[in-house]
C-alpha atoms as a PDB file:
ATOM      1  CA  MET A   1      28.955  64.919 -77.591  1.00  0.00           C
ATOM      2  CA  SER A   2      26.640  66.454 -75.317  1.00  0.00           C
ATOM      3  CA  ASN A   3      23.655  64.633 -76.882  1.00  0.00           C
ATOM      4  CA  PHE A   4      25.235  61.398 -76.746  1.00  0.00           C
ATOM      5  CA  ILE A   5      25.943  61.736 -73.181  1.00  0.00           C
ATOM      6  CA  LYS A   6      22.128  63.137 -72.596  1.00  0.00           C
ATOM      7  CA  MET A   7      20.865  59.911 -74.625  1.00  0.00           C
ATOM      8  CA  LEU A   8      22.756  57.814 -72.329  1.00  0.00           C
ATOM      9  CA  LYS A   9      21.226  59.553 -69.213  1.00  0.00           C
ATOM     10  CA  GLU A  10      17.718  59.007 -70.784  1.00  0.00           C
ATOM     11  CA  ASN A  11      18.109  55.155 -72.162  1.00  0.00           C
ATOM     12  CA  LYS A  12      19.062  52.842 -69.061  1.00  0.00           C
ATOM     13  CA  LYS A  13      19.594  49.866 -71.731  1.00  0.00           C
ATOM     14  CA  LEU A  14      22.029  51.973 -73.379  1.00  0.00           C
ATOM     15  CA  SER A  15      23.693  53.284 -70.244  1.00  0.00           C
ATOM     16  CA  TYR A  16      24.112  49.181 -69.198  1.00  0.00           C
ATOM     17  CA  ALA A  17      25.495  48.227 -72.936  1.00  0.00           C
ATOM     18  CA  VAL A  18      28.216  51.292 -72.722  1.00  0.00           C
ATOM     19  CA  ASN A  19      29.323  49.634 -68.954  1.00  0.00           C
ATOM     20  CA  VAL A  20      29.083  46.225 -70.253  1.00  0.00           C
ATOM     21  CA  PHE A  21      31.429  47.388 -72.993  1.00  0.00           C
ATOM     22  CA  ILE A  22      34.019  49.433 -71.078  1.00  0.00           C
ATOM     23  CA  LEU A  23      34.318  46.391 -68.383  1.00  0.00           C
ATOM     24  CA  LEU A  24      35.108  44.181 -71.291  1.00  0.00           C
ATOM     25  CA  VAL A  25      37.963  46.312 -72.504  1.00  0.00           C
ATOM     26  CA  ILE A  26      39.179  46.962 -69.051  1.00  0.00           C
ATOM     27  CA  ILE A  27      39.351  42.951 -68.577  1.00  0.00           C
ATOM     28  CA  SER A  28      41.061  42.404 -72.068  1.00  0.00           C
ATOM     29  CA  LEU A  29      43.686  44.967 -71.481  1.00  0.00           C
ATOM     30  CA  ILE A  30      44.327  42.968 -67.689  1.00  0.00           C
ATOM     31  CA  LEU A  31      44.317  39.845 -69.608  1.00  0.00           C
ATOM     32  CA  LYS A  32      47.291  40.984 -72.090  1.00  0.00           C
ATOM     33  CA  LEU A  33      49.516  42.076 -69.443  1.00  0.00           C
ATOM     34  CA  ASP A  34      52.735  39.773 -68.971  1.00  0.00           C
ATOM     35  CA  PHE A  35      53.073  38.197 -65.688  1.00  0.00           C
ATOM     36  CA  SER A  36      55.564  35.578 -66.973  1.00  0.00           C
ATOM     37  CA  LYS A  37      58.270  37.882 -65.361  1.00  0.00           C
ATOM     38  CA  VAL A  38      57.196  37.932 -61.996  1.00  0.00           C
ATOM     39  CA  SER A  39      56.389  34.033 -61.806  1.00  0.00           C
ATOM     40  CA  GLN A  40      60.147  33.523 -63.726  1.00  0.00           C
ATOM     41  CA  ASP A  41      61.503  35.251 -61.007  1.00  0.00           C
ATOM     42  CA  SER A  42      59.846  33.322 -58.087  1.00  0.00           C
ATOM     43  CA  VAL A  43      61.289  30.392 -59.329  1.00  0.00           C
ATOM     44  CA  SER A  44      64.891  31.295 -59.701  1.00  0.00           C
ATOM     45  CA  TYR A  45      64.126  32.372 -56.399  1.00  0.00           C
ATOM     46  CA  GLN A  46      63.303  28.759 -55.242  1.00  0.00           C
ATOM     47  CA  GLU A  47      65.479  27.124 -57.439  1.00  0.00           C
ATOM     48  CA  ASN A  48      68.387  28.890 -55.754  1.00  0.00           C
ATOM     49  CA  GLU A  49      66.548  27.425 -52.167  1.00  0.00           C
ATOM     50  CA  VAL A  50      66.711  24.102 -53.735  1.00  0.00           C
ATOM     51  CA  LYS A  51      69.885  23.995 -54.599  1.00  0.00           C
ATOM     52  CA  THR A  52      71.427  25.398 -51.291  1.00  0.00           C
ATOM     53  CA  GLU A  53      69.027  22.520 -49.664  1.00  0.00           C
ATOM     54  CA  SER A  54      70.209  19.908 -51.766  1.00  0.00           C
ATOM     55  CA  TYR A  55      74.092  20.578 -51.545  1.00  0.00           C
ATOM     56  CA  VAL A  56      73.216  20.636 -47.326  1.00  0.00           C
ATOM     57  CA  TYR A  57      70.755  17.417 -47.921  1.00  0.00           C
ATOM     58  CA  SER A  58      73.528  15.487 -50.169  1.00  0.00           C
ATOM     59  CA  LEU A  59      75.878  16.402 -47.230  1.00  0.00           C
ATOM     60  CA  GLU A  60      73.688  14.694 -44.864  1.00  0.00           C
ATOM     61  CA  LYS A  61      72.877  11.400 -46.617  1.00  0.00           C
ATOM     62  CA  ARG A  62      76.421  10.858 -47.095  1.00  0.00           C
ATOM     63  CA  MET A  63      77.480  11.511 -43.469  1.00  0.00           C
ATOM     64  CA  GLU A  64      74.216   9.229 -42.431  1.00  0.00           C
ATOM     65  CA  GLU A  65      75.888   6.438 -44.961  1.00  0.00           C
ATOM     66  CA  ILE A  66      79.062   6.455 -43.722  1.00  0.00           C
ATOM     67  CA  LEU A  67      78.274   6.724 -39.963  1.00  0.00           C
ATOM     68  CA  GLY A  68      75.764   4.201 -40.218  1.00  0.00           C
ATOM     69  CA  LYS A  69      78.766   1.717 -41.143  1.00  0.00           C
ATOM     70  CA  ILE A  70      80.345   1.896 -37.919  1.00  0.00           C
ATOM     71  CA  GLU A  71      80.044  -1.675 -35.600  1.00  0.00           C
ATOM     72  CA  GLY A  72      76.838  -1.334 -33.410  1.00  0.00           C
ATOM     73  CA  VAL A  73      75.290   1.877 -34.991  1.00  0.00           C
ATOM     74  CA  SER A  74      71.908   0.928 -36.161  1.00  0.00           C
ATOM     75  CA  SER A  75      70.606   4.189 -37.196  1.00  0.00           C
ATOM     76  CA  VAL A  76      71.792   7.876 -37.608  1.00  0.00           C
ATOM     77  CA  ASP A  77      70.384  10.799 -38.461  1.00  0.00           C
ATOM     78  CA  VAL A  78      72.575  14.113 -39.329  1.00  0.00           C
ATOM     79  CA  MET A  79      71.511  17.586 -39.378  1.00  0.00           C
ATOM     80  CA  ILE A  80      73.949  20.261 -40.883  1.00  0.00           C
ATOM     81  CA  TYR A  81      74.183  23.769 -39.780  1.00  0.00           C
ATOM     82  CA  THR A  82      75.417  26.704 -42.462  1.00  0.00           C
ATOM     83  CA  LYS A  83      75.882  29.957 -42.131  1.00  0.00           C
ATOM     84  CA  LYS A  84      75.335  31.057 -45.366  1.00  0.00           C
ATOM     85  CA  THR A  85      73.945  29.547 -48.392  1.00  0.00           C
ATOM     86  CA  PRO A  86      76.599  28.884 -51.769  1.00  0.00           C
ATOM     87  CA  VAL A  87      77.251  32.072 -53.215  1.00  0.00           C
ATOM     88  CA  LEU A  88      76.541  31.455 -57.262  1.00  0.00           C
ATOM     89  CA  GLU A  89      78.877  33.352 -59.663  1.00  0.00           C
ATOM     90  CA  PRO A  90      77.997  33.376 -63.187  1.00  0.00           C
ATOM     91  CA  VAL A  91      80.069  31.909 -65.878  1.00  0.00           C
ATOM     92  CA  PHE A  92      81.979  33.926 -68.233  1.00  0.00           C
ATOM     93  CA  ASP A  93      83.022  34.033 -71.729  1.00  0.00           C
ATOM     94  CA  GLU A  94      86.227  36.186 -71.292  1.00  0.00           C
ATOM     95  CA  ASN A  95      88.107  38.158 -73.582  1.00  0.00           C
ATOM     96  CA  ILE A  96      91.259  40.404 -73.260  1.00  0.00           C
ATOM     97  CA  SER A  97      92.870  42.379 -75.642  1.00  0.00           C
ATOM     98  CA  ASN A  98      96.442  44.313 -75.246  1.00  0.00           C
ATOM     99  CA  GLU A  99      97.555  46.867 -77.575  1.00  0.00           C
ATOM    100  CA  THR A 100     101.289  48.690 -77.571  1.00  0.00           C
ATOM    101  CA  ASN A 101     102.018  51.974 -79.459  1.00  0.00           C
ATOM    102  CA  ILE A 102     105.375  53.940 -78.961  1.00  0.00           C
ATOM    103  CA  GLU A 103     105.047  57.494 -80.495  1.00  0.00           C
ATOM    104  CA  SER A 104     108.348  58.935 -81.366  1.00  0.00           C
ATOM    105  CA  MET A 105     107.850  62.815 -80.045  1.00  0.00           C
ATOM    106  CA  SER A 106     109.917  65.466 -82.182  1.00  0.00           C
ATOM    107  CA  ASP A 107     112.117  66.375 -79.082  1.00  0.00           C
ATOM    108  CA  GLY A 108     113.687  62.602 -79.933  1.00  0.00           C
ATOM    109  CA  THR A 109     111.684  61.396 -76.770  1.00  0.00           C
ATOM    110  CA  LYS A 110     109.877  57.878 -77.257  1.00  0.00           C
ATOM    111  CA  ARG A 111     106.356  57.721 -75.289  1.00  0.00           C
ATOM    112  CA  GLU A 112     104.983  54.387 -74.957  1.00  0.00           C
ATOM    113  CA  VAL A 113     100.897  53.616 -74.192  1.00  0.00           C
ATOM    114  CA  ASN A 114      99.691  50.203 -73.281  1.00  0.00           C
ATOM    115  CA  ARG A 115      95.652  49.504 -73.652  1.00  0.00           C
ATOM    116  CA  GLU A 116      94.183  46.463 -72.246  1.00  0.00           C
ATOM    117  CA  THR A 117      90.840  45.927 -72.846  1.00  0.00           C
ATOM    118  CA  LYS A 118      88.634  43.141 -71.211  1.00  0.00           C
ATOM    119  CA  GLN A 119      85.229  42.231 -72.236  1.00  0.00           C
ATOM    120  CA  ASN A 120      83.368  39.897 -70.162  1.00  0.00           C
ATOM    121  CA  LYS A 121      80.072  38.289 -71.360  1.00  0.00           C
ATOM    122  CA  VAL A 122      77.770  36.066 -69.823  1.00  0.00           C
ATOM    123  CA  ILE A 123      77.137  32.390 -70.854  1.00  0.00           C
ATOM    124  CA  LEU A 124      73.455  31.420 -71.960  1.00  0.00           C
ATOM    125  CA  GLY A 125      72.278  27.523 -71.909  1.00  0.00           C
ATOM    126  CA  ARG A 126      69.765  26.136 -74.070  1.00  0.00           C
ATOM    127  CA  ASP A 127      66.893  27.954 -72.199  1.00  0.00           C
ATOM    128  CA  ASN A 128      68.735  31.701 -72.321  1.00  0.00           C
ATOM    129  CA  SER A 129      69.489  31.152 -68.724  1.00  0.00           C
ATOM    130  CA  VAL A 130      72.536  32.121 -66.998  1.00  0.00           C
ATOM    131  CA  VAL A 131      74.830  29.029 -66.515  1.00  0.00           C
ATOM    132  CA  GLU A 132      75.958  29.412 -62.992  1.00  0.00           C
ATOM    133  CA  ARG A 133      78.572  27.494 -60.943  1.00  0.00           C
ATOM    134  CA  TYR A 134      79.368  26.846 -57.230  1.00  0.00           C
ATOM    135  CA  TYR A 135      82.356  29.249 -55.885  1.00  0.00           C
ATOM    136  CA  GLU A 136      81.983  29.519 -52.484  1.00  0.00           C
ATOM    137  CA  TYR A 137      80.640  26.485 -50.213  1.00  0.00           C
ATOM    138  CA  PRO A 138      78.891  27.620 -46.978  1.00  0.00           C
ATOM    139  CA  GLU A 139      80.767  27.590 -44.331  1.00  0.00           C
ATOM    140  CA  ILE A 140      79.510  24.609 -41.566  1.00  0.00           C
ATOM    141  CA  SER A 141      78.784  26.173 -38.299  1.00  0.00           C
ATOM    142  CA  GLY A 142      77.426  23.344 -36.792  1.00  0.00           C
ATOM    143  CA  VAL A 143      76.517  19.186 -36.757  1.00  0.00           C
ATOM    144  CA  LEU A 144      74.079  17.158 -34.534  1.00  0.00           C
ATOM    145  CA  LEU A 145      73.662  13.523 -35.034  1.00  0.00           C
ATOM    146  CA  VAL A 146      71.140  11.288 -33.342  1.00  0.00           C
ATOM    147  CA  VAL A 147      72.379   7.869 -33.156  1.00  0.00           C
ATOM    148  CA  LYS A 148      71.001   4.395 -31.929  1.00  0.00           C
ATOM    149  CA  TYR A 149      74.305   2.333 -30.859  1.00  0.00           C
ATOM    150  CA  SER A 150      74.125  -0.950 -29.383  1.00  0.00           C
ATOM    151  CA  GLY A 151      78.013  -1.696 -28.506  1.00  0.00           C
ATOM    152  CA  ASN A 152      80.659  -1.593 -25.828  1.00  0.00           C
ATOM    153  CA  LYS A 153      82.776   0.965 -27.656  1.00  0.00           C
ATOM    154  CA  ASP A 154      83.364   4.607 -26.603  1.00  0.00           C
ATOM    155  CA  ILE A 155      81.069   5.644 -29.632  1.00  0.00           C
ATOM    156  CA  TYR A 156      81.288   9.455 -28.644  1.00  0.00           C
ATOM    157  CA  GLY A 157      85.118   9.467 -29.385  1.00  0.00           C
ATOM    158  CA  ILE A 158      84.378   7.588 -33.024  1.00  0.00           C
ATOM    159  CA  LEU A 159      81.799   9.640 -33.894  1.00  0.00           C
ATOM    160  CA  MET A 160      83.054  13.126 -32.579  1.00  0.00           C
ATOM    161  CA  ASN A 161      86.477  12.576 -34.816  1.00  0.00           C
ATOM    162  CA  SER A 162      84.897  10.556 -37.502  1.00  0.00           C
ATOM    163  CA  VAL A 163      82.973  14.252 -38.246  1.00  0.00           C
ATOM    164  CA  LYS A 164      85.449  16.354 -37.334  1.00  0.00           C
ATOM    165  CA  ALA A 165      87.814  15.251 -40.158  1.00  0.00           C
ATOM    166  CA  LEU A 166      85.126  14.836 -42.885  1.00  0.00           C
ATOM    167  CA  LEU A 167      83.603  18.282 -42.356  1.00  0.00           C
ATOM    168  CA  ASP A 168      86.606  20.025 -40.871  1.00  0.00           C
ATOM    169  CA  ILE A 169      85.007  21.784 -37.885  1.00  0.00           C
ATOM    170  CA  LYS A 170      85.535  22.280 -34.294  1.00  0.00           C
ATOM    171  CA  LEU A 171      84.678  19.566 -31.588  1.00  0.00           C
ATOM    172  CA  ASN A 172      82.505  22.180 -29.811  1.00  0.00           C
ATOM    173  CA  ASP A 173      80.116  22.064 -32.979  1.00  0.00           C
ATOM    174  CA  ILE A 174      79.094  18.868 -32.627  1.00  0.00           C
ATOM    175  CA  GLU A 175      76.739  17.521 -30.987  1.00  0.00           C
ATOM    176  CA  ILE A 176      76.071  13.848 -30.556  1.00  0.00           C
ATOM    177  CA  ILE A 177      72.446  11.955 -29.164  1.00  0.00           C
ATOM    178  CA  VAL A 178      72.684   8.321 -28.069  1.00  0.00           C
ATOM    179  CA  ILE A 179      69.167   6.559 -28.024  1.00  0.00           C
ATOM    180  CA  ASN A 180      69.719   2.727 -26.536  1.00  0.00           C
END
């Protein structure tokens, strides 16, 4: 081993070749690392955010469509603010089994033993991802309406009552801006 190190010190071309070989080994090890798990986690987080945004976005678009049908309203923009995001829960395949044993003791007494076993198995989709469903929608804490209105009726009262009835929120949580 000492002869090999001595030879490396004396022969510059051989030392460069060994250094390049070591560098190539390190690069090949780095390329073999699996980064797919990291990227899948970030993708699933982004998908959850997209699901949240799509829930609120679909509510806003439906509100705009419905309020746009009011006579005298030429355009409506709706913004809905929620306190939390929708909570996703995995779908389980649940298996419950009950077992009852009655034991007779030597002194004539009977003892009953009940045993319940519950197994939950997460259901996977076609791409081996967990099947999820919404079970709790976020609470709506505020609505902003920007309305272009050219009519004679009291549009504030109509819009306030409409939004309150559709989303079941307090009147104080609704803000209406009318543009002429």
